[in-house]
Amino acid sequence: MRHLLSTGDLSRDEATLVLDTAAELAQVSGRSVKKLPTLRGRTVVNLFYEDSTRTRTSFELAAKRLSADVINFSAKGSSVSKGESLKDTALTLQAMGADGVVVRHPASGAAHRLAGWVDGAVLNAGDGTHEHPTQALLDAYTMRARTGRVEGLRVAVVGDVLHSRVARSNVLLLHTLGAEVTLVAPPTLMPVSVHTWPCAVSYDLDAVLPKTDVVMLLRVQAERMQNAFFPTAREYSRRYGLDRDRLARLPDHAIVMHPGPMVRGMEISAEVADSARSTISEQVANGVSVRMAALYLLLGGS
């Protein structure tokens, strides 16, 4: 594994190795001194062309806990806003000797292009509406930590699937790991090609909930929407939002996930978000361990 561009590239063994490595590294996060010398002398560049607080911070923390040198390269207010192309930026990073590049970009496929231009490892932190592999890995890690398994789990992914790179990465990874995924969304927010994905599709959340072990809610991505995909926010909540009544329809052991940032009161009620069945803050903590594992495996910690 030279890069982490898509969860579709991972075999079951590779994906499991990332999760197992993350589990070992998670023990470090429980110690008073949280640093390991593993990547000392390596340089990781965070190249973010889209606003991101949690993912960038998570990757930065992961790299620093492995003692790597971290350079944050924000595209706003940089040579990029002066018209420099992705390729020129890549060649600049190459000349500086970056060992790893974590990239988030609004264009689908940008991480893949970048991997052809630099010698270092490229980690896709989200490209357009395409993929977000470390999010899917931390979601699988969280499921495994909470339920003890991923294989055989019935997972419902609910919401704006059309614009969601998280949904796509999760479907591919969970399928590889043996879970059964059902996508639930209004027809206008379901991709045209969804029948080619390895999952089931439903438009009726209430029918799916009773036979679900994990419900993962997606944020409605207003910033990617130019058209009217549903009548009103209230109408969306009424049919696809997870509130107290819908939570009661889930089996007792089921957990509630959200990749964040969440819009409380729209896809999830505050009460559900803060309930004991919600894994939302665990996902953030697990994200650091999983990204540490990815950096460790790609940058060849001894």
Protein backbone atom coordinates (compact mmCIF):
# COMPACT_ATOMS: atom_id res chain seq x y z
CA MET A 1 0.00 0.00 0.00
CA ARG A 2 1.74 3.18 -1.21
CA HIS A 3 -1.15 5.64 -0.96
CA LEU A 4 -4.57 5.76 0.65
CA LEU A 5 -6.83 7.15 -2.08
CA SER A 6 -9.95 5.01 -1.93
CA THR A 7 -11.38 2.38 0.40
CA GLY A 8 -12.10 0.37 -2.75
CA ASP A 9 -8.33 -0.21 -3.10
CA LEU A 10 -8.12 -1.98 0.27
CA SER A 11 -8.31 -5.75 0.60
CA ARG A 12 -9.96 -7.19 3.69
CA ASP A 13 -6.52 -7.98 5.15
CA GLU A 14 -5.21 -4.46 4.52
CA ALA A 15 -8.30 -2.83 6.03
CA THR A 16 -8.10 -5.11 9.06
CA LEU A 17 -4.41 -4.29 9.47
CA VAL A 18 -5.24 -0.57 9.64
CA LEU A 19 -7.93 -1.23 12.27
CA ASP A 20 -5.68 -3.52 14.33
CA THR A 21 -2.79 -1.03 14.17
CA ALA A 22 -5.16 1.75 15.23
CA ALA A 23 -6.27 -0.34 18.21
CA GLU A 24 -2.65 -0.67 19.34
CA LEU A 25 -1.95 3.02 18.82
CA ALA A 26 -5.15 3.97 20.69
CA GLN A 27 -3.50 2.72 23.88
CA VAL A 28 -0.91 5.50 23.49
CA SER A 29 -3.69 8.10 23.58
CA GLY A 30 -4.58 6.87 27.05
CA ARG A 31 -1.11 7.57 28.42
CA SER A 32 0.02 10.83 30.00
CA VAL A 33 2.79 11.21 27.38
CA LYS A 34 1.02 10.66 24.08
CA LYS A 35 4.03 10.76 21.75
CA LEU A 36 5.85 7.98 19.91
CA PRO A 37 9.18 8.53 18.13
CA THR A 38 8.07 6.45 15.12
CA LEU A 39 8.05 9.08 12.35
CA ARG A 40 10.77 11.37 13.71
CA GLY A 41 12.46 13.18 10.85
CA ARG A 42 9.58 12.60 8.43
CA THR A 43 7.62 15.52 6.98
CA VAL A 44 3.85 15.44 6.53
CA VAL A 45 2.16 18.22 4.56
CA ASN A 46 -1.51 19.01 5.12
CA LEU A 47 -2.73 20.37 1.78
CA PHE A 48 -6.30 21.58 2.24
CA TYR A 49 -8.14 23.26 -0.61
CA GLU A 50 -11.44 23.12 1.29
CA ASP A 51 -12.34 24.43 4.71
CA SER A 52 -11.91 21.72 7.28
CA THR A 53 -11.39 21.99 10.98
CA ARG A 54 -11.83 18.49 12.33
CA THR A 55 -10.14 16.45 9.62
CA ARG A 56 -7.12 18.76 9.35
CA THR A 57 -6.73 18.95 13.12
CA SER A 58 -7.13 15.18 13.41
CA PHE A 59 -4.41 14.50 10.82
CA GLU A 60 -2.15 17.11 12.38
CA LEU A 61 -2.55 15.59 15.83
CA ALA A 62 -1.97 12.08 14.43
CA ALA A 63 1.26 13.12 12.69
CA LYS A 64 2.52 15.01 15.74
CA ARG A 65 1.81 12.08 18.06
CA LEU A 66 4.10 10.03 15.82
CA SER A 67 6.74 12.82 16.07
CA ALA A 68 6.54 13.80 12.38
CA ASP A 69 7.12 17.41 11.31
CA VAL A 70 3.82 18.86 10.13
CA ILE A 71 3.41 21.67 7.62
CA ASN A 72 -0.08 23.11 7.20
CA PHE A 73 -0.58 24.41 3.70
CA SER A 74 -3.90 26.22 3.45
CA ALA A 75 -4.96 27.02 -0.09
CA LYS A 76 -6.81 30.17 0.93
CA GLY A 77 -4.41 33.10 1.08
CA SER A 78 -1.58 31.14 -0.55
CA SER A 79 -0.01 30.81 -3.98
CA VAL A 80 -3.12 28.83 -4.94
CA SER A 81 -5.33 31.90 -4.63
CA LYS A 82 -2.83 33.59 -6.96
CA GLY A 83 -3.66 31.01 -9.63
CA GLU A 84 -1.09 28.26 -9.05
CA SER A 85 -2.28 24.88 -10.32
CA LEU A 86 -2.47 21.69 -8.28
CA LYS A 87 0.41 20.29 -10.34
CA ASP A 88 2.68 23.26 -9.60
CA THR A 89 1.86 23.00 -5.92
CA ALA A 90 2.65 19.27 -6.08
CA LEU A 91 6.03 19.93 -7.72
CA THR A 92 6.80 22.50 -5.01
CA LEU A 93 6.03 19.96 -2.28
CA GLN A 94 8.09 17.38 -4.16
CA ALA A 95 11.06 19.77 -4.25
CA MET A 96 10.70 20.33 -0.51
CA GLY A 97 10.86 16.58 0.08
CA ALA A 98 7.49 15.88 1.66
CA ASP A 99 7.28 12.24 2.83
CA GLY A 100 3.49 12.31 3.09
CA VAL A 101 0.82 14.61 1.68
CA VAL A 102 -2.66 14.72 3.20
CA VAL A 103 -4.92 16.34 0.63
CA ARG A 104 -8.50 17.60 0.62
CA HIS A 105 -9.77 19.09 -2.60
CA PRO A 106 -13.18 20.10 -4.04
CA ALA A 107 -12.52 18.19 -7.29
CA SER A 108 -13.24 14.46 -7.34
CA GLY A 109 -10.09 12.61 -8.38
CA ALA A 110 -7.64 15.29 -7.21
CA ALA A 111 -5.90 12.96 -4.74
CA HIS A 112 -5.43 10.40 -7.49
CA ARG A 113 -3.81 12.99 -9.78
CA LEU A 114 -1.55 14.20 -6.98
CA ALA A 115 -0.32 10.65 -6.34
CA GLY A 116 1.08 10.60 -9.88
CA TRP A 117 3.08 13.79 -9.32
CA VAL A 118 4.79 13.28 -5.96
CA ASP A 119 7.09 10.56 -4.62
CA GLY A 120 5.68 10.71 -1.10
CA ALA A 121 2.61 8.86 0.15
CA VAL A 122 -0.71 10.58 -0.60
CA LEU A 123 -3.58 10.30 1.86
CA ASN A 124 -6.96 11.37 0.54
CA ALA A 125 -8.73 13.47 3.17
CA GLY A 126 -11.74 14.00 0.92
CA ASP A 127 -11.93 14.71 -2.81
CA GLY A 128 -15.09 16.36 -4.06
CA THR A 129 -18.09 14.06 -3.73
CA HIS A 130 -15.90 11.02 -4.38
CA GLU A 131 -14.19 9.49 -1.33
CA HIS A 132 -13.04 10.09 2.24
CA PRO A 133 -11.26 6.84 3.17
CA THR A 134 -10.00 7.65 6.68
CA GLN A 135 -13.54 8.60 7.72
CA ALA A 136 -14.82 5.17 6.62
CA LEU A 137 -11.93 3.48 8.44
CA LEU A 138 -12.64 5.33 11.68
CA ASP A 139 -16.34 4.52 11.32
CA ALA A 140 -15.54 0.80 10.92
CA TYR A 141 -13.15 1.05 13.87
CA THR A 142 -15.89 2.62 16.00
CA MET A 143 -18.40 -0.08 15.01
CA ARG A 144 -15.91 -2.78 15.90
CA ALA A 145 -15.06 -1.13 19.23
CA ARG A 146 -18.75 -0.76 20.19
CA THR A 147 -20.22 -4.01 18.87
CA GLY A 148 -17.18 -6.30 18.73
CA ARG A 149 -17.45 -6.97 14.99
CA VAL A 150 -18.01 -5.46 11.56
CA GLU A 151 -18.82 -8.64 9.65
CA GLY A 152 -22.55 -9.31 9.54
CA LEU A 153 -23.53 -5.89 10.93
CA ARG A 154 -26.60 -4.31 9.31
CA VAL A 155 -25.71 -0.68 8.66
CA ALA A 156 -28.14 2.00 7.46
CA VAL A 157 -26.54 5.10 5.93
CA VAL A 158 -29.15 7.86 5.91
CA GLY A 159 -29.27 11.25 4.22
CA ASP A 160 -27.54 13.14 1.46
CA VAL A 161 -25.89 10.17 -0.25
CA LEU A 162 -25.63 12.02 -3.57
CA HIS A 163 -23.10 14.57 -2.35
CA SER A 164 -21.47 12.34 0.25
CA ARG A 165 -17.92 11.06 -0.10
CA VAL A 166 -18.35 9.49 3.35
CA ALA A 167 -21.23 7.30 2.11
CA ARG A 168 -19.28 6.07 -0.91
CA SER A 169 -16.15 5.23 1.11
CA ASN A 170 -18.22 3.51 3.79
CA VAL A 171 -20.20 1.37 1.35
CA LEU A 172 -17.01 0.09 -0.29
CA LEU A 173 -15.16 -0.56 2.97
CA LEU A 174 -18.08 -2.10 4.88
CA HIS A 175 -18.80 -4.39 1.93
CA THR A 176 -15.15 -5.53 1.96
CA LEU A 177 -15.38 -6.18 5.71
CA GLY A 178 -18.58 -8.21 5.35
CA ALA A 179 -21.25 -5.82 6.65
CA GLU A 180 -24.65 -5.36 4.98
CA VAL A 181 -25.27 -1.74 4.01
CA THR A 182 -28.58 -0.09 3.14
CA LEU A 183 -28.64 3.48 1.84
CA VAL A 184 -31.70 5.49 2.85
CA ALA A 185 -32.46 8.87 1.26
CA PRO A 186 -35.06 10.80 -0.69
CA PRO A 187 -34.87 9.78 -4.38
CA THR A 188 -33.47 13.22 -5.25
CA LEU A 189 -30.47 12.64 -2.98
CA MET A 190 -29.61 9.15 -4.27
CA PRO A 191 -26.90 8.85 -6.97
CA VAL A 192 -28.09 7.69 -10.40
CA SER A 193 -25.46 4.93 -10.41
CA VAL A 194 -26.39 3.61 -6.97
CA HIS A 195 -27.57 0.27 -8.41
CA THR A 196 -23.91 -0.50 -9.23
CA TRP A 197 -22.85 -0.08 -5.57
CA PRO A 198 -22.57 -3.18 -3.34
CA CYS A 199 -25.50 -2.25 -1.09
CA ALA A 200 -29.29 -2.13 -0.79
CA VAL A 201 -31.39 1.01 -1.30
CA SER A 202 -34.51 2.21 0.51
CA TYR A 203 -36.55 5.40 0.59
CA ASP A 204 -38.37 4.54 3.82
CA LEU A 205 -36.36 5.11 7.00
CA ASP A 206 -39.06 3.80 9.36
CA ALA A 207 -39.13 0.43 7.58
CA VAL A 208 -35.34 0.02 7.78
CA LEU A 209 -34.74 1.02 11.43
CA PRO A 210 -36.10 -2.09 13.21
CA LYS A 211 -33.60 -4.34 11.40
CA THR A 212 -30.54 -2.12 11.81
CA ASP A 213 -27.50 -2.51 14.10
CA VAL A 214 -25.83 0.78 13.15
CA VAL A 215 -27.51 3.90 11.82
CA MET A 216 -25.16 6.45 10.28
CA LEU A 217 -26.57 9.87 9.57
CA LEU A 218 -25.13 12.15 6.91
CA ARG A 219 -25.18 15.92 6.95
CA VAL A 220 -27.27 17.57 4.27
CA GLN A 221 -24.53 19.40 2.37
CA ALA A 222 -26.03 22.77 1.66
CA GLU A 223 -22.71 24.09 0.30
CA ARG A 224 -22.73 21.50 -2.51
CA MET A 225 -26.33 22.11 -3.50
CA GLN A 226 -27.23 24.48 -6.27
CA ASN A 227 -30.75 23.13 -6.82
CA ALA A 228 -33.82 22.27 -4.77
CA PHE A 229 -33.42 18.66 -3.64
CA PHE A 230 -36.27 18.67 -1.10
CA PRO A 231 -39.07 21.11 -0.24
CA THR A 232 -37.99 22.38 3.21
CA ALA A 233 -35.68 21.49 6.06
CA ARG A 234 -38.71 20.62 8.16
CA GLU A 235 -40.02 18.22 5.55
CA TYR A 236 -36.60 16.53 5.38
CA SER A 237 -36.47 16.13 9.17
CA ARG A 238 -39.97 14.73 9.29
CA ARG A 239 -39.10 11.90 6.89
CA TYR A 240 -35.37 11.33 7.34
CA GLY A 241 -34.35 12.90 10.66
CA LEU A 242 -33.52 10.70 13.66
CA ASP A 243 -35.50 11.86 16.68
CA ARG A 244 -36.59 10.21 19.94
CA ASP A 245 -39.50 8.33 18.34
CA ARG A 246 -37.34 6.89 15.57
CA LEU A 247 -34.61 5.98 18.06
CA ALA A 248 -37.21 3.85 19.85
CA ARG A 249 -37.78 1.85 16.63
CA LEU A 250 -34.15 0.68 16.61
CA PRO A 251 -33.15 -2.58 18.31
CA ASP A 252 -31.88 -2.03 21.87
CA HIS A 253 -28.25 -2.75 20.96
CA ALA A 254 -28.13 -0.42 17.95
CA ILE A 255 -25.75 2.55 17.83
CA VAL A 256 -26.07 5.98 16.20
CA MET A 257 -23.19 7.49 14.23
CA HIS A 258 -22.52 10.80 12.48
CA PRO A 259 -19.34 11.84 10.64
CA GLY A 260 -19.83 15.47 11.75
CA PRO A 261 -20.26 18.35 11.65
CA MET A 262 -23.89 17.70 12.50
CA VAL A 263 -26.86 19.98 12.01
CA ARG A 264 -28.82 19.42 15.21
CA GLY A 265 -32.53 19.45 14.65
CA MET A 266 -32.24 18.53 11.00
CA GLU A 267 -30.81 15.05 10.40
CA ILE A 268 -30.46 14.35 14.13
CA SER A 269 -32.21 15.73 17.20
CA ALA A 270 -30.05 17.10 20.03
CA GLU A 271 -31.50 14.49 22.37
CA VAL A 272 -30.37 11.61 20.14
CA ALA A 273 -26.96 13.19 19.47
CA ASP A 274 -26.27 13.39 23.20
CA SER A 275 -27.71 9.97 24.09
CA ALA A 276 -25.63 7.02 25.34
CA ARG A 277 -26.22 5.24 22.03
CA SER A 278 -24.50 7.97 20.06
CA THR A 279 -20.84 7.35 19.18
CA ILE A 280 -20.21 10.82 17.77
CA SER A 281 -17.48 11.96 20.16
CA GLU A 282 -15.89 8.49 20.15
CA GLN A 283 -15.62 8.74 16.37
CA VAL A 284 -13.55 11.90 16.73
CA ALA A 285 -11.20 10.27 19.25
CA ASN A 286 -10.94 7.12 17.14
CA GLY A 287 -10.18 9.27 14.09
CA VAL A 288 -6.83 10.28 15.55
CA SER A 289 -5.85 6.63 16.19
CA VAL A 290 -6.92 5.51 12.72
CA ARG A 291 -5.04 8.37 11.03
CA MET A 292 -1.98 7.56 13.14
CA ALA A 293 -2.25 3.99 11.86
CA ALA A 294 -2.56 5.11 8.23
CA LEU A 295 0.45 7.44 8.50
CA TYR A 296 2.47 4.77 10.31
CA LEU A 297 1.74 2.10 7.68
CA LEU A 298 2.28 4.40 4.68
CA LEU A 299 5.37 6.25 5.90
CA GLY A 300 6.98 3.04 7.03
CA GLY A 301 7.49 3.41 10.75
CA SER A 302 10.25 1.02 11.78
